[in-house]
Protein backbone atom coordinates (compact mmCIF):
# COMPACT_ATOMS: atom_id res chain seq x y z
CA MET A 1 82.13 -44.41 -0.46
CA LEU A 2 83.00 -47.44 0.87
CA ARG A 3 80.22 -47.30 3.32
CA MET A 4 77.89 -46.53 1.12
CA ILE A 5 79.04 -49.06 -1.56
CA ALA A 6 78.67 -51.82 1.43
CA TRP A 7 75.40 -50.17 2.24
CA ARG A 8 74.25 -50.96 -1.35
CA LEU A 9 75.72 -54.86 -1.69
CA ALA A 10 73.65 -55.21 1.71
CA GLY A 11 70.47 -53.97 0.11
CA LEU A 12 71.06 -56.54 -3.22
CA VAL A 13 71.28 -59.00 -0.97
CA VAL A 14 68.46 -58.48 0.78
CA THR A 15 66.31 -57.46 -2.51
CA LEU A 16 67.72 -61.16 -3.88
CA LEU A 17 66.29 -63.01 -1.11
CA ALA A 18 62.81 -61.15 -1.34
CA VAL A 19 62.86 -61.66 -4.66
CA SER A 20 63.48 -65.52 -4.45
CA VAL A 21 60.94 -65.87 -2.30
CA ALA A 22 57.95 -63.92 -4.32
CA VAL A 23 59.70 -66.31 -7.67
CA PHE A 24 59.10 -69.45 -5.55
CA LEU A 25 55.33 -68.40 -4.23
CA VAL A 26 54.38 -67.01 -7.78
CA MET A 27 55.14 -70.41 -9.58
CA ASP A 28 53.78 -72.70 -6.70
CA VAL A 29 50.32 -70.77 -7.03
CA LEU A 30 50.34 -71.47 -11.14
CA PRO A 31 48.06 -73.44 -11.99
CA GLY A 32 48.24 -77.20 -13.11
CA ASP A 33 49.89 -80.35 -11.29
CA PRO A 34 53.51 -80.52 -13.34
CA ALA A 35 53.50 -84.30 -12.33
CA ALA A 36 49.88 -84.65 -14.54
CA ILE A 37 51.13 -82.63 -16.96
CA MET A 38 54.49 -84.58 -16.97
CA LEU A 39 52.26 -87.82 -17.59
CA GLY A 40 49.47 -86.86 -19.31
CA THR A 41 45.45 -86.89 -18.43
CA SER A 42 45.38 -90.47 -18.44
CA ALA A 43 48.24 -90.93 -15.74
CA ARG A 44 47.37 -93.37 -12.95
CA PRO A 45 46.69 -91.66 -9.46
CA ASP A 46 49.48 -93.98 -7.63
CA THR A 47 51.77 -92.94 -10.70
CA LEU A 48 50.94 -89.74 -10.07
CA ALA A 49 52.08 -89.75 -6.27
CA ALA A 50 55.07 -91.59 -6.93
CA LEU A 51 56.18 -88.44 -9.20
CA ARG A 52 54.87 -86.26 -7.25
CA LEU A 53 57.05 -87.76 -4.24
CA GLU A 54 60.14 -88.07 -6.62
CA LEU A 55 59.87 -84.32 -7.40
CA GLY A 56 59.19 -83.67 -4.13
CA LEU A 57 56.51 -81.89 -4.59
CA ASP A 58 54.06 -83.34 -1.44
CA ARG A 59 56.72 -81.45 1.05
CA PRO A 60 55.40 -78.46 2.91
CA LEU A 61 56.00 -75.23 1.26
CA PRO A 62 59.00 -73.81 3.43
CA LEU A 63 60.71 -77.45 2.99
CA ARG A 64 60.42 -77.23 -0.79
CA PHE A 65 61.60 -73.38 -0.63
CA ALA A 66 64.41 -74.09 1.85
CA ALA A 67 65.82 -77.00 -0.64
CA TRP A 68 65.33 -74.98 -3.77
CA ILE A 69 67.51 -72.00 -2.67
CA GLY A 70 70.35 -74.22 -0.64
CA GLY A 71 70.65 -75.92 -3.69
CA VAL A 72 70.70 -72.05 -5.48
CA LEU A 73 73.60 -71.00 -3.44
CA THR A 74 75.42 -73.96 -3.66
CA GLY A 75 74.95 -74.29 -7.49
CA ASP A 76 72.86 -77.13 -7.64
CA LEU A 77 69.89 -75.57 -9.46
CA GLY A 78 68.20 -79.14 -9.81
CA THR A 79 66.97 -81.39 -12.82
CA SER A 80 64.50 -80.33 -15.49
CA THR A 81 61.52 -82.45 -15.21
CA THR A 82 60.89 -81.71 -19.45
CA TYR A 83 64.87 -82.32 -20.11
CA GLY A 84 65.70 -84.91 -18.08
CA VAL A 85 69.16 -83.02 -17.76
CA PRO A 86 70.89 -80.13 -14.36
CA VAL A 87 69.36 -76.86 -14.91
CA ALA A 88 72.32 -75.11 -14.62
CA GLY A 89 74.07 -76.89 -17.93
CA LEU A 90 70.92 -75.47 -19.48
CA ILE A 91 70.63 -72.10 -18.35
CA LEU A 92 74.64 -72.01 -19.20
CA ASP A 93 73.74 -73.30 -23.08
CA ARG A 94 71.06 -70.45 -23.08
CA LEU A 95 73.34 -67.66 -21.91
CA ALA A 96 75.86 -68.05 -24.31
CA VAL A 97 73.02 -67.02 -26.62
CA THR A 98 71.34 -64.11 -24.85
CA LEU A 99 74.15 -62.54 -23.21
CA PRO A 100 76.26 -61.89 -26.41
CA LEU A 101 72.88 -60.89 -28.15
CA ALA A 102 71.93 -58.50 -25.75
CA LEU A 103 75.74 -57.01 -26.01
CA MET A 104 75.49 -56.61 -29.63
CA ALA A 105 72.50 -54.94 -29.34
CA ILE A 106 73.40 -52.65 -26.49
CA VAL A 107 76.34 -51.98 -28.77
CA LEU A 108 74.55 -51.00 -31.75
CA SER A 109 72.00 -49.47 -29.75
CA ILE A 110 74.67 -47.13 -28.31
CA ALA A 111 76.24 -46.72 -31.12
CA LEU A 112 73.34 -45.07 -33.80
CA ALA A 113 71.77 -43.38 -30.17
CA LEU A 114 74.01 -41.10 -28.59
CA PRO A 115 76.05 -39.56 -32.15
CA LEU A 116 72.03 -38.49 -33.33
CA GLY A 117 71.18 -37.54 -29.63
CA ILE A 118 73.98 -35.19 -29.21
CA LEU A 119 73.82 -34.05 -32.71
CA ALA A 120 69.82 -33.62 -32.73
CA ALA A 121 70.47 -31.53 -29.20
CA SER A 122 73.22 -29.47 -30.59
CA ARG A 123 71.53 -27.95 -34.02
CA ARG A 124 68.19 -27.67 -32.45
CA GLY A 125 65.55 -26.83 -34.63
CA SER A 126 68.01 -27.75 -38.02
CA ALA A 127 66.82 -30.63 -40.38
CA TRP A 128 69.67 -33.06 -38.68
CA ASP A 129 67.30 -32.24 -35.61
CA LEU A 130 64.27 -33.12 -37.64
CA LEU A 131 65.38 -36.28 -39.28
CA ALA A 132 67.42 -37.58 -36.26
CA THR A 133 64.09 -37.09 -33.55
CA GLY A 134 61.88 -38.40 -36.70
CA ALA A 135 64.17 -41.81 -36.90
CA ALA A 136 63.68 -41.88 -33.05
CA GLN A 137 60.30 -41.94 -33.08
CA ILE A 138 59.77 -44.36 -36.40
CA GLY A 139 62.12 -46.32 -34.31
CA VAL A 140 60.14 -46.04 -31.09
CA ALA A 141 56.88 -47.28 -32.88
CA THR A 142 58.16 -49.94 -34.65
CA PRO A 143 57.87 -53.83 -32.83
CA ASN A 144 61.33 -55.78 -32.92
CA PHE A 145 59.71 -58.77 -33.85
CA TRP A 146 58.24 -56.63 -36.55
CA VAL A 147 61.77 -55.35 -37.65
CA GLY A 148 63.12 -58.98 -37.37
CA ILE A 149 60.58 -60.11 -39.85
CA LEU A 150 61.65 -57.13 -42.06
CA LEU A 151 65.26 -57.84 -41.78
CA ILE A 152 64.82 -61.55 -42.71
CA LEU A 153 62.54 -61.13 -46.07
CA VAL A 154 65.42 -58.55 -46.73
CA PHE A 155 68.83 -59.75 -46.44
CA ALA A 156 68.04 -63.44 -46.10
CA SER A 157 65.52 -64.35 -48.03
CA THR A 158 65.87 -61.56 -50.69
CA LEU A 159 69.63 -61.15 -50.64
CA GLY A 160 70.63 -64.04 -49.24
CA ILE A 161 73.64 -62.50 -47.68
CA MET A 162 72.69 -63.30 -43.67
CA PRO A 163 71.53 -66.19 -42.29
CA SER A 164 67.68 -66.11 -41.62
CA GLY A 165 67.54 -67.94 -38.34
CA GLY A 166 69.03 -71.08 -36.10
CA PHE A 167 72.40 -70.51 -34.28
CA PRO A 168 75.69 -72.84 -35.18
CA GLY A 169 76.93 -72.96 -31.47
CA TRP A 170 80.21 -71.41 -30.59
CA ASP A 171 82.37 -74.42 -31.74
CA ALA A 172 81.55 -73.66 -35.34
CA GLY A 173 83.66 -70.42 -35.13
CA ILE A 174 82.71 -66.76 -34.14
CA LEU A 175 82.42 -65.63 -37.53
CA PRO A 176 79.14 -68.00 -38.10
CA ALA A 177 78.05 -67.46 -34.39
CA LEU A 178 78.37 -63.57 -34.54
CA ALA A 179 76.70 -63.90 -38.26
CA ALA A 180 73.88 -65.64 -36.67
CA LEU A 181 73.55 -63.13 -34.05
CA THR A 182 73.88 -60.12 -36.00
CA LEU A 183 69.90 -59.75 -37.63
CA PRO A 184 68.79 -60.26 -34.31
CA ALA A 185 70.89 -57.77 -32.28
CA VAL A 186 69.56 -55.08 -35.02
CA ALA A 187 66.07 -56.08 -34.58
CA LEU A 188 66.73 -55.84 -31.00
CA ALA A 189 69.06 -52.52 -31.28
CA LEU A 190 66.50 -50.30 -33.26
CA PRO A 191 63.73 -49.74 -31.37
CA GLN A 192 65.65 -48.95 -27.98
CA ALA A 193 68.33 -46.92 -30.26
CA GLY A 194 64.85 -44.81 -30.75
CA VAL A 195 64.88 -44.74 -27.00
CA LEU A 196 67.87 -43.54 -26.13
CA THR A 197 68.10 -40.99 -28.65
CA ARG A 198 65.27 -39.01 -27.23
CA VAL A 199 66.59 -39.33 -24.02
CA THR A 200 70.33 -38.25 -25.19
CA ARG A 201 69.11 -35.48 -26.72
CA SER A 202 66.46 -33.99 -23.70
CA ALA A 203 69.90 -34.61 -21.42
CA VAL A 204 72.08 -32.69 -23.55
CA LEU A 205 69.47 -29.88 -24.29
CA ASP A 206 69.02 -29.54 -20.72
CA VAL A 207 72.43 -28.74 -19.58
CA LEU A 208 73.15 -26.60 -22.90
CA HIS A 209 70.71 -24.21 -20.88
CA GLU A 210 72.19 -24.13 -17.38
CA ASP A 211 74.07 -21.46 -16.17
CA PHE A 212 77.81 -22.72 -16.30
CA VAL A 213 77.35 -23.60 -19.69
CA ARG A 214 76.40 -19.75 -20.50
CA THR A 215 79.61 -18.68 -18.64
CA ALA A 216 81.35 -21.34 -20.17
CA ARG A 217 80.09 -19.36 -23.75
CA ALA A 218 80.74 -15.95 -21.91
CA LYS A 219 84.34 -16.59 -21.40
CA GLY A 220 85.04 -17.56 -24.85
CA LEU A 221 84.65 -21.21 -25.03
CA THR A 222 83.42 -22.53 -28.54
CA ARG A 223 80.06 -24.01 -29.15
CA ARG A 224 81.52 -27.24 -29.68
CA ALA A 225 84.55 -27.36 -26.65
CA ALA A 226 81.80 -26.57 -24.55
CA LEU A 227 79.16 -29.05 -25.90
CA TRP A 228 81.66 -31.46 -25.39
CA ARG A 229 83.74 -30.55 -22.32
CA HIS A 230 80.41 -28.99 -20.03
CA ALA A 231 77.31 -30.56 -21.63
CA VAL A 232 78.00 -33.99 -22.77
CA PRO A 233 79.43 -35.52 -19.84
CA ASN A 234 76.65 -34.18 -17.32
CA ALA A 235 74.05 -35.38 -19.62
CA LEU A 236 75.98 -38.99 -19.27
CA LEU A 237 73.59 -39.90 -16.21
CA PRO A 238 69.97 -40.55 -17.22
CA VAL A 239 71.58 -41.78 -20.46
CA VAL A 240 73.88 -43.71 -18.84
CA THR A 241 70.25 -44.91 -16.55
CA VAL A 242 68.18 -45.63 -19.45
CA ILE A 243 71.15 -48.11 -20.82
CA GLY A 244 70.96 -49.99 -17.67
CA LEU A 245 67.55 -50.29 -18.15
CA GLN A 246 67.41 -51.40 -21.76
CA PHE A 247 70.36 -53.77 -21.26
CA THR A 248 68.13 -55.64 -18.52
CA PHE A 249 65.30 -55.35 -21.38
CA LEU A 250 67.65 -56.89 -23.69
CA ILE A 251 67.86 -60.04 -21.59
CA ALA A 252 65.27 -60.50 -20.21
CA GLY A 253 62.51 -59.47 -23.52
CA ALA A 254 64.00 -60.72 -26.07
CA VAL A 255 61.60 -63.91 -26.22
CA LEU A 256 59.64 -62.65 -29.32
CA VAL A 257 63.25 -62.03 -31.54
CA GLU A 258 64.46 -65.31 -30.17
CA ASN A 259 61.37 -67.27 -31.27
CA VAL A 260 61.54 -65.32 -34.52
CA PHE A 261 64.81 -65.70 -35.48
CA GLY A 262 65.12 -69.28 -34.27
CA LEU A 263 67.49 -68.81 -31.00
CA PRO A 264 67.82 -70.96 -28.56
CA GLY A 265 68.27 -68.68 -25.75
CA LEU A 266 67.58 -67.64 -22.27
CA GLY A 267 64.08 -66.10 -23.33
CA ARG A 268 62.77 -68.89 -25.15
CA LEU A 269 63.80 -71.26 -22.41
CA ALA A 270 61.66 -69.75 -20.26
CA PHE A 271 58.37 -69.35 -22.46
CA GLN A 272 59.10 -72.96 -23.11
CA ALA A 273 59.07 -73.76 -19.76
CA LEU A 274 55.84 -72.00 -18.43
CA GLN A 275 54.20 -74.11 -21.43
CA GLN A 276 55.57 -77.42 -20.13
CA ARG A 277 55.15 -76.55 -16.15
CA ASP A 278 58.37 -77.30 -15.61
CA LEU A 279 58.85 -75.22 -12.46
CA ILE A 280 62.34 -76.12 -11.17
CA VAL A 281 63.55 -74.08 -14.98
CA MET A 282 60.79 -71.22 -14.81
CA GLN A 283 62.03 -70.22 -11.02
CA ASP A 284 65.81 -70.60 -11.94
CA VAL A 285 65.40 -68.51 -14.99
CA VAL A 286 63.45 -65.96 -13.29
CA LEU A 287 65.47 -65.80 -10.45
CA LEU A 288 68.36 -65.13 -13.02
CA LEU A 289 66.67 -62.52 -14.75
CA ALA A 290 65.98 -60.82 -11.70
CA ALA A 291 69.25 -61.19 -10.33
CA LEU A 292 70.85 -59.82 -13.45
CA VAL A 293 68.55 -57.16 -13.37
CA ILE A 294 69.40 -55.94 -9.49
CA VAL A 295 73.28 -56.56 -9.96
CA VAL A 296 73.34 -53.98 -13.47
CA ASN A 297 71.08 -51.31 -11.03
CA PHE A 298 73.51 -51.55 -8.61
CA LEU A 299 76.19 -51.43 -11.04
CA VAL A 300 74.80 -48.22 -12.90
CA ASP A 301 74.46 -46.91 -9.19
CA LEU A 302 78.45 -47.35 -9.12
CA SER A 303 78.68 -45.84 -12.18
CA TYR A 304 77.00 -42.29 -10.98
CA LEU A 305 79.88 -42.30 -8.38
CA VAL A 306 82.22 -42.13 -11.24
CA LEU A 307 80.60 -39.84 -13.84
CA ASP A 308 79.18 -37.46 -11.18
CA PRO A 309 81.89 -35.45 -8.55
CA ARG A 310 79.09 -34.21 -6.26
CA LEU A 311 77.69 -37.85 -5.44
CA ARG A 312 81.52 -38.86 -4.46
CA ALA A 313 81.74 -35.24 -2.33
CA ALA A 314 78.28 -36.41 -0.73
CA ALA A 315 79.70 -40.20 -0.24
């Protein structure tokens, strides 16, 4: 097992290196001159040349990549050309919003989806099954930004019990910060809960039709005991896979919800950096998001070893 984990870690490092090369090359071929965007179209050629020299844009591509990746490895992510501050501080400030938001959303999604999916599978064809699958279908078909707008209209504008947007910061206290993240987390969680409900229902139904479950029932095990002792634990692998994919999506794909609620998150930072052609911020944010996806997938792979004894035996 240790050898398998070591190989997975080695693959993780190689994948990160390949992703860093791809990110750098893609950002380099984007149209537009960062220096010209910063100074405007009326800037003099000598001023543009001086700024390009200051930003290191006059150096060959391999040297620029080596300087960037060397800074990333040492914790120096460079300085934003738009904000004029270290990128590391910018990312940490935004990550302090996006990461708790994603965690709240995934917890809400799991809390809604797992009971509904298990209930629908255990009572297939009943009114509970129809209700759960109908709610899941509505969740899948509903865009999260539209849910966010609806939540603002109901709970902020009409009832006035929740903030409509913005983020006061964690210095203002845990309760005000969590209150500001609640509606965005719900907006992100509901569509994801629809997907997870359908996956959970399908996975549990597949296991309920396996021979070992029928054997357990034939030996006198009650339906409830067979469900919770055998069906649910053996249905967790696809569910965990989807949860891992959803968590990375919630971190990387929350830009629309962050804009609806005016949250200073990581997705919004990436969107603004793209608009302003802030290359160093875009590169660092995209690389961080790619690294988070790779690390989460690695943790999901490790969870398979915990959940499935057959994989541990094969390892």
